[in-house]
């Protein structure tokens, strides 16, 4: 599962560059970086929560 997630995120980013997905806040091709930023934030939260408990 951990190896599939980065591949899926990269695939979504490539698809968004080819044809914008139209999700809220992601209407332009240049917004593909928001997917990566969201993924990094999610990983940070998992690490923080994992080490806190």
Protein backbone atom coordinates (compact mmCIF):
# COMPACT_ATOMS: atom_id res chain seq x y z
CA UNK A 1 0.00 0.00 0.00
CA UNK A 2 2.80 2.41 0.83
CA UNK A 3 4.37 1.89 -2.59
CA UNK A 4 1.09 2.33 -4.46
CA UNK A 5 0.25 5.71 -2.91
CA UNK A 6 3.22 7.69 -4.35
CA UNK A 7 2.64 6.14 -7.78
CA UNK A 8 -1.05 7.06 -7.60
CA UNK A 9 -0.20 10.65 -6.58
CA UNK A 10 2.27 11.02 -9.46
CA UNK A 11 -0.33 9.61 -11.86
CA UNK A 12 -2.94 12.09 -10.61
CA UNK A 13 -0.45 14.96 -11.01
CA UNK A 14 0.36 13.92 -14.58
CA UNK A 15 -3.33 13.59 -15.43
CA UNK A 16 -3.98 17.04 -13.97
CA UNK A 17 -1.23 18.55 -16.14
CA UNK A 18 -2.71 16.91 -19.25
CA UNK A 19 -6.33 17.78 -18.44
CA UNK A 20 -7.24 19.74 -15.30
CA UNK A 21 -9.41 17.64 -12.99
CA UNK A 22 -11.78 20.49 -12.13
CA UNK A 23 -11.70 19.84 -8.40
CA UNK A 24 -12.38 22.88 -6.18
CA UNK A 25 -9.27 25.06 -6.16
CA UNK A 26 -7.67 23.13 -9.00
CA UNK A 27 -9.00 24.56 -12.21
CA UNK A 28 -5.67 25.35 -13.95
CA UNK A 29 -2.86 23.06 -15.10
CA UNK A 30 -0.39 24.95 -12.94
CA UNK A 31 -2.22 23.85 -9.79
CA UNK A 32 -0.72 20.34 -9.91
CA UNK A 33 1.69 21.29 -7.12
CA UNK A 34 -1.25 21.43 -4.70
CA UNK A 35 -1.54 17.63 -4.94
CA UNK A 36 2.09 17.25 -3.87
CA UNK A 37 1.69 19.83 -1.08
CA UNK A 38 -1.37 18.01 0.25
CA UNK A 39 0.46 14.67 0.16
CA UNK A 40 3.43 16.11 2.07
CA UNK A 41 1.12 17.61 4.67
CA UNK A 42 -0.67 14.28 5.08
CA UNK A 43 2.65 12.42 5.52
CA UNK A 44 3.80 15.01 8.07
CA UNK A 45 0.60 14.54 10.07
CA UNK A 46 0.97 10.75 10.00
CA UNK A 47 4.54 11.02 11.31
CA UNK A 48 3.60 13.48 14.05
CA UNK A 49 0.60 11.43 15.17
CA UNK A 50 2.60 8.20 14.99
CA UNK A 51 5.40 9.51 17.19
CA UNK A 52 3.09 11.27 19.65
CA UNK A 53 1.22 8.14 20.67
